PDB file of N, CA and C in Angstrom:
ATOM      1  N   UNK A   1     -13.964   0.344   5.755  1.00  0.00           N
ATOM      2  CA  UNK A   1     -12.827   0.897   6.480  1.00  0.00           C
ATOM      3  C   UNK A   1     -13.288   1.246   7.889  1.00  0.00           C
ATOM      4  N   UNK A   2     -12.628   0.742   8.865  1.00  0.00           N
ATOM      5  CA  UNK A   2     -13.039   1.002  10.242  1.00  0.00           C
ATOM      6  C   UNK A   2     -12.323   2.236  10.781  1.00  0.00           C
ATOM      7  N   UNK A   3     -12.773   2.699  11.932  1.00  0.00           N
ATOM      8  CA  UNK A   3     -12.167   3.861  12.564  1.00  0.00           C
ATOM      9  C   UNK A   3     -11.168   3.464  13.637  1.00  0.00           C
ATOM     10  N   UNK A   4     -10.672   2.233  13.599  1.00  0.00           N
ATOM     11  CA  UNK A   4      -9.697   1.775  14.575  1.00  0.00           C
ATOM     12  C   UNK A   4      -8.417   2.599  14.467  1.00  0.00           C
ATOM     13  N   UNK A   5      -7.715   2.738  15.577  1.00  0.00           N
ATOM     14  CA  UNK A   5      -6.427   3.425  15.560  1.00  0.00           C
ATOM     15  C   UNK A   5      -5.441   2.565  14.789  1.00  0.00           C
ATOM     16  N   UNK A   6      -4.774   3.170  13.827  1.00  0.00           N
ATOM     17  CA  UNK A   6      -3.856   2.438  12.960  1.00  0.00           C
ATOM     18  C   UNK A   6      -2.420   2.719  13.349  1.00  0.00           C
ATOM     19  N   UNK A   7      -1.574   1.728  13.171  1.00  0.00           N
ATOM     20  CA  UNK A   7      -0.140   1.911  13.398  1.00  0.00           C
ATOM     21  C   UNK A   7       0.412   2.761  12.258  1.00  0.00           C
ATOM     22  N   UNK A   8       1.072   3.849  12.597  1.00  0.00           N
ATOM     23  CA  UNK A   8       1.676   4.733  11.601  1.00  0.00           C
ATOM     24  C   UNK A   8       3.035   4.169  11.228  1.00  0.00           C
ATOM     25  N   UNK A   9       3.280   4.087   9.921  1.00  0.00           N
ATOM     26  CA  UNK A   9       4.544   3.541   9.459  1.00  0.00           C
ATOM     27  C   UNK A   9       5.062   4.383   8.292  1.00  0.00           C
ATOM     28  N   UNK A  10       6.332   4.621   8.252  1.00  0.00           N
ATOM     29  CA  UNK A  10       6.966   5.373   7.170  1.00  0.00           C
ATOM     30  C   UNK A  10       7.362   4.415   6.055  1.00  0.00           C
ATOM     31  N   UNK A  11       7.514   4.947   4.847  1.00  0.00           N
ATOM     32  CA  UNK A  11       7.878   4.140   3.687  1.00  0.00           C
ATOM     33  C   UNK A  11       9.175   3.372   3.921  1.00  0.00           C
ATOM     34  N   UNK A  12      10.161   4.001   4.523  1.00  0.00           N
ATOM     35  CA  UNK A  12      11.449   3.332   4.739  1.00  0.00           C
ATOM     36  C   UNK A  12      11.300   2.088   5.597  1.00  0.00           C
ATOM     37  N   UNK A  13      10.412   2.134   6.584  1.00  0.00           N
ATOM     38  CA  UNK A  13      10.195   0.981   7.465  1.00  0.00           C
ATOM     39  C   UNK A  13       9.489  -0.135   6.691  1.00  0.00           C
ATOM     40  N   UNK A  14       8.481   0.223   5.901  1.00  0.00           N
ATOM     41  CA  UNK A  14       7.782  -0.768   5.084  1.00  0.00           C
ATOM     42  C   UNK A  14       8.770  -1.447   4.132  1.00  0.00           C
ATOM     43  N   UNK A  15       9.607  -0.662   3.469  1.00  0.00           N
ATOM     44  CA  UNK A  15      10.559  -1.225   2.511  1.00  0.00           C
ATOM     45  C   UNK A  15      11.592  -2.120   3.198  1.00  0.00           C
ATOM     46  N   UNK A  16      12.006  -1.745   4.386  1.00  0.00           N
ATOM     47  CA  UNK A  16      12.947  -2.574   5.152  1.00  0.00           C
ATOM     48  C   UNK A  16      12.305  -3.912   5.530  1.00  0.00           C
ATOM     49  N   UNK A  17      11.063  -3.852   6.002  1.00  0.00           N
ATOM     50  CA  UNK A  17      10.348  -5.077   6.368  1.00  0.00           C
ATOM     51  C   UNK A  17      10.099  -5.941   5.128  1.00  0.00           C
ATOM     52  N   UNK A  18       9.740  -5.291   4.027  1.00  0.00           N
ATOM     53  CA  UNK A  18       9.509  -6.023   2.783  1.00  0.00           C
ATOM     54  C   UNK A  18      10.790  -6.743   2.346  1.00  0.00           C
ATOM     55  N   UNK A  19      11.926  -6.072   2.439  1.00  0.00           N
ATOM     56  CA  UNK A  19      13.211  -6.674   2.059  1.00  0.00           C
ATOM     57  C   UNK A  19      13.530  -7.898   2.917  1.00  0.00           C
ATOM     58  N   UNK A  20      13.028  -7.916   4.162  1.00  0.00           N
ATOM     59  CA  UNK A  20      13.243  -9.061   5.065  1.00  0.00           C
ATOM     60  C   UNK A  20      12.198 -10.168   4.853  1.00  0.00           C
ATOM     61  N   UNK A  21      11.298  -9.955   3.901  1.00  0.00           N
ATOM     62  CA  UNK A  21      10.325 -10.992   3.567  1.00  0.00           C
ATOM     63  C   UNK A  21       8.915 -10.758   4.069  1.00  0.00           C
ATOM     64  N   UNK A  22       8.690  -9.700   4.815  1.00  0.00           N
ATOM     65  CA  UNK A  22       7.343  -9.412   5.311  1.00  0.00           C
ATOM     66  C   UNK A  22       6.480  -8.869   4.176  1.00  0.00           C
ATOM     67  N   UNK A  23       5.234  -9.317   4.116  1.00  0.00           N
ATOM     68  CA  UNK A  23       4.297  -8.852   3.086  1.00  0.00           C
ATOM     69  C   UNK A  23       2.990  -8.356   3.695  1.00  0.00           C
ATOM     70  N   UNK A  24       2.804  -8.516   4.981  1.00  0.00           N
ATOM     71  CA  UNK A  24       1.548  -8.197   5.641  1.00  0.00           C
ATOM     72  C   UNK A  24       1.605  -6.812   6.283  1.00  0.00           C
ATOM     73  N   UNK A  25       0.954  -5.856   5.628  1.00  0.00           N
ATOM     74  CA  UNK A  25       0.896  -4.481   6.128  1.00  0.00           C
ATOM     75  C   UNK A  25      -0.559  -4.059   6.326  1.00  0.00           C
ATOM     76  N   UNK A  26      -1.388  -5.029   6.701  1.00  0.00           N
ATOM     77  CA  UNK A  26      -2.813  -4.764   6.903  1.00  0.00           C
ATOM     78  C   UNK A  26      -3.030  -3.729   8.001  1.00  0.00           C
ATOM     79  N   UNK A  27      -3.941  -2.794   7.705  1.00  0.00           N
ATOM     80  CA  UNK A  27      -4.415  -1.878   8.719  1.00  0.00           C
ATOM     81  C   UNK A  27      -3.455  -0.779   9.151  1.00  0.00           C
ATOM     82  N   UNK A  28      -2.336  -0.608   8.470  1.00  0.00           N
ATOM     83  CA  UNK A  28      -1.395   0.431   8.881  1.00  0.00           C
ATOM     84  C   UNK A  28      -1.748   1.775   8.245  1.00  0.00           C
ATOM     85  N   UNK A  29      -1.210   2.841   8.781  1.00  0.00           N
ATOM     86  CA  UNK A  29      -1.369   4.172   8.222  1.00  0.00           C
ATOM     87  C   UNK A  29      -0.086   4.552   7.497  1.00  0.00           C
ATOM     88  N   UNK A  30      -0.234   4.807   6.189  1.00  0.00           N
ATOM     89  CA  UNK A  30       0.907   5.166   5.333  1.00  0.00           C
ATOM     90  C   UNK A  30       0.613   6.439   4.554  1.00  0.00           C
ATOM     91  N   UNK A  31      -0.070   7.373   5.146  1.00  0.00           N
ATOM     92  CA  UNK A  31      -0.477   8.557   4.398  1.00  0.00           C
ATOM     93  C   UNK A  31       0.728   9.357   3.904  1.00  0.00           C
ATOM     94  N   UNK A  32       0.593   9.813   2.667  1.00  0.00           N
ATOM     95  CA  UNK A  32       1.569  10.686   1.985  1.00  0.00           C
ATOM     96  C   UNK A  32       2.996  10.129   1.978  1.00  0.00           C
ATOM     97  N   UNK A  33       3.127   8.827   1.769  1.00  0.00           N
ATOM     98  CA  UNK A  33       4.456   8.210   1.670  1.00  0.00           C
ATOM     99  C   UNK A  33       4.831   8.056   0.196  1.00  0.00           C
ATOM    100  N   UNK A  34       6.093   7.772  -0.069  1.00  0.00           N
ATOM    101  CA  UNK A  34       6.583   7.681  -1.443  1.00  0.00           C
ATOM    102  C   UNK A  34       7.166   6.297  -1.712  1.00  0.00           C
ATOM    103  N   UNK A  35       6.519   5.589  -2.649  1.00  0.00           N
ATOM    104  CA  UNK A  35       6.986   4.268  -3.074  1.00  0.00           C
ATOM    105  C   UNK A  35       7.255   4.262  -4.580  1.00  0.00           C
ATOM    106  N   UNK A  36       7.642   5.391  -5.131  1.00  0.00           N
ATOM    107  CA  UNK A  36       7.934   5.469  -6.565  1.00  0.00           C
ATOM    108  C   UNK A  36       9.005   4.444  -6.929  1.00  0.00           C
ATOM    109  N   UNK A  37       8.710   3.676  -7.990  1.00  0.00           N
ATOM    110  CA  UNK A  37       9.650   2.697  -8.550  1.00  0.00           C
ATOM    111  C   UNK A  37      10.049   1.579  -7.574  1.00  0.00           C
ATOM    112  N   UNK A  38       9.278   1.346  -6.551  1.00  0.00           N
ATOM    113  CA  UNK A  38       9.605   0.299  -5.569  1.00  0.00           C
ATOM    114  C   UNK A  38       8.874  -0.997  -5.899  1.00  0.00           C
ATOM    115  N   UNK A  39       9.444  -2.110  -5.490  1.00  0.00           N
ATOM    116  CA  UNK A  39       8.829  -3.411  -5.674  1.00  0.00           C
ATOM    117  C   UNK A  39       8.085  -3.804  -4.405  1.00  0.00           C
ATOM    118  N   UNK A  40       6.763  -3.918  -4.521  1.00  0.00           N
ATOM    119  CA  UNK A  40       5.925  -4.331  -3.397  1.00  0.00           C
ATOM    120  C   UNK A  40       4.999  -5.453  -3.847  1.00  0.00           C
ATOM    121  N   UNK A  41       5.509  -6.308  -4.708  1.00  0.00           N
ATOM    122  CA  UNK A  41       4.745  -7.440  -5.235  1.00  0.00           C
ATOM    123  C   UNK A  41       4.242  -8.302  -4.068  1.00  0.00           C
ATOM    124  N   UNK A  42       2.976  -8.661  -4.139  1.00  0.00           N
ATOM    125  CA  UNK A  42       2.309  -9.524  -3.146  1.00  0.00           C
ATOM    126  C   UNK A  42       2.110  -8.878  -1.777  1.00  0.00           C
ATOM    127  N   UNK A  43       2.306  -7.571  -1.658  1.00  0.00           N
ATOM    128  CA  UNK A  43       2.107  -6.901  -0.374  1.00  0.00           C
ATOM    129  C   UNK A  43       0.607  -6.814  -0.053  1.00  0.00           C
ATOM    130  N   UNK A  44       0.280  -6.920   1.209  1.00  0.00           N
ATOM    131  CA  UNK A  44      -1.105  -6.834   1.663  1.00  0.00           C
ATOM    132  C   UNK A  44      -1.310  -5.515   2.409  1.00  0.00           C
ATOM    133  N   UNK A  45      -2.006  -4.578   1.746  1.00  0.00           N
ATOM    134  CA  UNK A  45      -2.330  -3.284   2.336  1.00  0.00           C
ATOM    135  C   UNK A  45      -3.827  -3.193   2.636  1.00  0.00           C
ATOM    136  N   UNK A  46      -4.486  -4.327   2.825  1.00  0.00           N
ATOM    137  CA  UNK A  46      -5.920  -4.290   3.095  1.00  0.00           C
ATOM    138  C   UNK A  46      -6.181  -3.541   4.403  1.00  0.00           C
ATOM    139  N   UNK A  47      -7.263  -2.788   4.403  1.00  0.00           N
ATOM    140  CA  UNK A  47      -7.679  -1.970   5.558  1.00  0.00           C
ATOM    141  C   UNK A  47      -6.665  -0.895   5.940  1.00  0.00           C
ATOM    142  N   UNK A  48      -5.702  -0.610   5.073  1.00  0.00           N
ATOM    143  CA  UNK A  48      -4.691   0.406   5.366  1.00  0.00           C
ATOM    144  C   UNK A  48      -5.175   1.796   4.943  1.00  0.00           C
ATOM    145  N   UNK A  49      -4.624   2.803   5.562  1.00  0.00           N
ATOM    146  CA  UNK A  49      -4.879   4.192   5.187  1.00  0.00           C
ATOM    147  C   UNK A  49      -3.668   4.656   4.385  1.00  0.00           C
ATOM    148  N   UNK A  50      -3.823   4.705   3.062  1.00  0.00           N
ATOM    149  CA  UNK A  50      -2.699   5.103   2.202  1.00  0.00           C
ATOM    150  C   UNK A  50      -3.028   6.386   1.423  1.00  0.00           C
ATOM    151  N   UNK A  51      -3.887   7.206   1.996  1.00  0.00           N
ATOM    152  CA  UNK A  51      -4.274   8.453   1.321  1.00  0.00           C
ATOM    153  C   UNK A  51      -3.047   9.276   0.928  1.00  0.00           C
ATOM    154  N   UNK A  52      -3.054   9.736  -0.337  1.00  0.00           N
ATOM    155  CA  UNK A  52      -2.006  10.629  -0.827  1.00  0.00           C
ATOM    156  C   UNK A  52      -0.656   9.969  -1.028  1.00  0.00           C
ATOM    157  N   UNK A  53      -0.596   8.654  -0.984  1.00  0.00           N
ATOM    158  CA  UNK A  53       0.675   7.949  -1.146  1.00  0.00           C
ATOM    159  C   UNK A  53       1.010   7.803  -2.624  1.00  0.00           C
ATOM    160  N   UNK A  54       2.267   7.818  -2.939  1.00  0.00           N
ATOM    161  CA  UNK A  54       2.779   7.775  -4.309  1.00  0.00           C
ATOM    162  C   UNK A  54       3.290   6.368  -4.640  1.00  0.00           C
ATOM    163  N   UNK A  55       2.643   5.721  -5.629  1.00  0.00           N
ATOM    164  CA  UNK A  55       3.070   4.404  -6.107  1.00  0.00           C
ATOM    165  C   UNK A  55       3.428   4.460  -7.595  1.00  0.00           C
ATOM    166  N   UNK A  56       3.779   5.614  -8.100  1.00  0.00           N
ATOM    167  CA  UNK A  56       4.105   5.772  -9.517  1.00  0.00           C
ATOM    168  C   UNK A  56       5.237   4.824  -9.917  1.00  0.00           C
ATOM    169  N   UNK A  57       5.017   4.082 -10.997  1.00  0.00           N
ATOM    170  CA  UNK A  57       5.999   3.128 -11.538  1.00  0.00           C
ATOM    171  C   UNK A  57       6.386   2.019 -10.557  1.00  0.00           C
ATOM    172  N   UNK A  58       5.589   1.786  -9.536  1.00  0.00           N
ATOM    173  CA  UNK A  58       5.883   0.728  -8.565  1.00  0.00           C
ATOM    174  C   UNK A  58       5.370  -0.619  -9.080  1.00  0.00           C
ATOM    175  N   UNK A  59       5.978  -1.696  -8.614  1.00  0.00           N
ATOM    176  CA  UNK A  59       5.493  -3.036  -8.928  1.00  0.00           C
ATOM    177  C   UNK A  59       4.566  -3.473  -7.801  1.00  0.00           C
ATOM    178  N   UNK A  60       3.274  -3.479  -8.094  1.00  0.00           N
ATOM    179  CA  UNK A  60       2.248  -3.844  -7.113  1.00  0.00           C
ATOM    180  C   UNK A  60       1.502  -5.094  -7.568  1.00  0.00           C
ATOM    181  N   UNK A  61       2.171  -5.926  -8.339  1.00  0.00           N
ATOM    182  CA  UNK A  61       1.553  -7.143  -8.841  1.00  0.00           C
ATOM    183  C   UNK A  61       1.042  -7.989  -7.674  1.00  0.00           C
ATOM    184  N   UNK A  62      -0.218  -8.379  -7.779  1.00  0.00           N
ATOM    185  CA  UNK A  62      -0.902  -9.206  -6.772  1.00  0.00           C
ATOM    186  C   UNK A  62      -0.993  -8.552  -5.391  1.00  0.00           C
ATOM    187  N   UNK A  63      -0.810  -7.255  -5.308  1.00  0.00           N
ATOM    188  CA  UNK A  63      -0.968  -6.561  -4.025  1.00  0.00           C
ATOM    189  C   UNK A  63      -2.449  -6.494  -3.666  1.00  0.00           C
ATOM    190  N   UNK A  64      -2.740  -6.424  -2.386  1.00  0.00           N
ATOM    191  CA  UNK A  64      -4.110  -6.389  -1.901  1.00  0.00           C
ATOM    192  C   UNK A  64      -4.384  -5.042  -1.238  1.00  0.00           C
ATOM    193  N   UNK A  65      -5.341  -4.292  -1.814  1.00  0.00           N
ATOM    194  CA  UNK A  65      -5.761  -3.002  -1.277  1.00  0.00           C
ATOM    195  C   UNK A  65      -7.232  -3.049  -0.845  1.00  0.00           C
ATOM    196  N   UNK A  66      -7.749  -4.225  -0.559  1.00  0.00           N
ATOM    197  CA  UNK A  66      -9.152  -4.365  -0.166  1.00  0.00           C
ATOM    198  C   UNK A  66      -9.450  -3.520   1.076  1.00  0.00           C
ATOM    199  N   UNK A  67     -10.548  -2.786   0.999  1.00  0.00           N
ATOM    200  CA  UNK A  67     -11.012  -1.939   2.107  1.00  0.00           C
ATOM    201  C   UNK A  67     -10.017  -0.855   2.507  1.00  0.00           C
ATOM    202  N   UNK A  68      -9.019  -0.588   1.683  1.00  0.00           N
ATOM    203  CA  UNK A  68      -8.040   0.468   1.990  1.00  0.00           C
ATOM    204  C   UNK A  68      -8.598   1.835   1.597  1.00  0.00           C
ATOM    205  N   UNK A  69      -8.150   2.860   2.274  1.00  0.00           N
ATOM    206  CA  UNK A  69      -8.496   4.228   1.911  1.00  0.00           C
ATOM    207  C   UNK A  69      -7.407   4.722   0.954  1.00  0.00           C
ATOM    208  N   UNK A  70      -7.732   4.760  -0.341  1.00  0.00           N
ATOM    209  CA  UNK A  70      -6.752   5.108  -1.372  1.00  0.00           C
ATOM    210  C   UNK A  70      -7.008   6.498  -1.969  1.00  0.00           C
ATOM    211  N   UNK A  71      -7.826   7.303  -1.315  1.00  0.00           N
ATOM    212  CA  UNK A  71      -8.130   8.636  -1.849  1.00  0.00           C
ATOM    213  C   UNK A  71      -6.855   9.450  -2.034  1.00  0.00           C
ATOM    214  N   UNK A  72      -6.695  10.004  -3.243  1.00  0.00           N
ATOM    215  CA  UNK A  72      -5.539  10.849  -3.546  1.00  0.00           C
ATOM    216  C   UNK A  72      -4.255  10.082  -3.800  1.00  0.00           C
ATOM    217  N   UNK A  73      -4.325   8.765  -3.809  1.00  0.00           N
ATOM    218  CA  UNK A  73      -3.135   7.940  -4.030  1.00  0.00           C
ATOM    219  C   UNK A  73      -2.838   7.869  -5.519  1.00  0.00           C
ATOM    220  N   UNK A  74      -1.557   7.926  -5.892  1.00  0.00           N
ATOM    221  CA  UNK A  74      -1.143   7.901  -7.302  1.00  0.00           C
ATOM    222  C   UNK A  74      -0.608   6.524  -7.665  1.00  0.00           C
ATOM    223  N   UNK A  75      -1.220   5.934  -8.712  1.00  0.00           N
ATOM    224  CA  UNK A  75      -0.802   4.636  -9.222  1.00  0.00           C
ATOM    225  C   UNK A  75      -0.332   4.750 -10.680  1.00  0.00           C
ATOM    226  N   UNK A  76       0.090   5.924 -11.098  1.00  0.00           N
ATOM    227  CA  UNK A  76       0.481   6.162 -12.488  1.00  0.00           C
ATOM    228  C   UNK A  76       1.570   5.196 -12.924  1.00  0.00           C
ATOM    229  N   UNK A  77       1.312   4.477 -14.010  1.00  0.00           N
ATOM    230  CA  UNK A  77       2.256   3.518 -14.598  1.00  0.00           C
ATOM    231  C   UNK A  77       2.694   2.408 -13.648  1.00  0.00           C
ATOM    232  N   UNK A  78       1.963   2.183 -12.580  1.00  0.00           N
ATOM    233  CA  UNK A  78       2.294   1.084 -11.660  1.00  0.00           C
ATOM    234  C   UNK A  78       1.846  -0.237 -12.278  1.00  0.00           C
ATOM    235  N   UNK A  79       2.545  -1.309 -11.976  1.00  0.00           N
ATOM    236  CA  UNK A  79       2.134  -2.647 -12.392  1.00  0.00           C
ATOM    237  C   UNK A  79       1.077  -3.123 -11.397  1.00  0.00           C
ATOM    238  N   UNK A  80      -0.168  -3.157 -11.845  1.00  0.00           N
ATOM    239  CA  UNK A  80      -1.294  -3.538 -10.986  1.00  0.00           C
ATOM    240  C   UNK A  80      -1.878  -4.897 -11.394  1.00  0.00           C
ATOM    241  N   UNK A  81      -1.115  -5.685 -12.137  1.00  0.00           N
ATOM    242  CA  UNK A  81      -1.590  -6.991 -12.579  1.00  0.00           C
ATOM    243  C   UNK A  81      -1.945  -7.843 -11.356  1.00  0.00           C
ATOM    244  N   UNK A  82      -3.184  -8.275 -11.314  1.00  0.00           N
ATOM    245  CA  UNK A  82      -3.650  -9.124 -10.224  1.00  0.00           C
ATOM    246  C   UNK A  82      -3.915  -8.402  -8.919  1.00  0.00           C
ATOM    247  N   UNK A  83      -3.733  -7.094  -8.875  1.00  0.00           N
ATOM    248  CA  UNK A  83      -3.968  -6.337  -7.640  1.00  0.00           C
ATOM    249  C   UNK A  83      -5.473  -6.324  -7.331  1.00  0.00           C
ATOM    250  N   UNK A  84      -5.788  -6.328  -6.042  1.00  0.00           N
ATOM    251  CA  UNK A  84      -7.186  -6.375  -5.590  1.00  0.00           C
ATOM    252  C   UNK A  84      -7.532  -5.052  -4.898  1.00  0.00           C
ATOM    253  N   UNK A  85      -8.647  -4.446  -5.334  1.00  0.00           N
ATOM    254  CA  UNK A  85      -9.107  -3.180  -4.763  1.00  0.00           C
ATOM    255  C   UNK A  85     -10.547  -3.312  -4.249  1.00  0.00           C
ATOM    256  N   UNK A  86     -10.934  -4.485  -3.815  1.00  0.00           N
ATOM    257  CA  UNK A  86     -12.305  -4.726  -3.373  1.00  0.00           C
ATOM    258  C   UNK A  86     -12.672  -3.791  -2.217  1.00  0.00           C
ATOM    259  N   UNK A  87     -13.743  -3.039  -2.413  1.00  0.00           N
ATOM    260  CA  UNK A  87     -14.295  -2.119  -1.404  1.00  0.00           C
ATOM    261  C   UNK A  87     -13.308  -1.044  -0.958  1.00  0.00           C
ATOM    262  N   UNK A  88     -12.307  -0.741  -1.786  1.00  0.00           N
ATOM    263  CA  UNK A  88     -11.378   0.354  -1.453  1.00  0.00           C
ATOM    264  C   UNK A  88     -12.089   1.685  -1.654  1.00  0.00           C
ATOM    265  N   UNK A  89     -11.762   2.673  -0.844  1.00  0.00           N
ATOM    266  CA  UNK A  89     -12.370   4.017  -0.976  1.00  0.00           C
ATOM    267  C   UNK A  89     -11.609   4.809  -1.998  1.00  0.00           C
TER     268      UNK A  89
END
């Protein structure tokens, strides 16, 4: 995880972009956001700062969290089939 300045984004913006077909959220800051029960299949959160974010019951199938800072993040009952957490903190 680098110390580069990250673009801060709120959950509503991510979900809006996802609905329009965007899946690339690499390197963004999403700390303490709520994605409970949301579909984020195939989303790329590599190198993102998602500390304290809520993904309870979310669909994260094939999502990429490589090198992401996931400290304090909740994945309770999330669909993590095929999700990648390589070198995540």
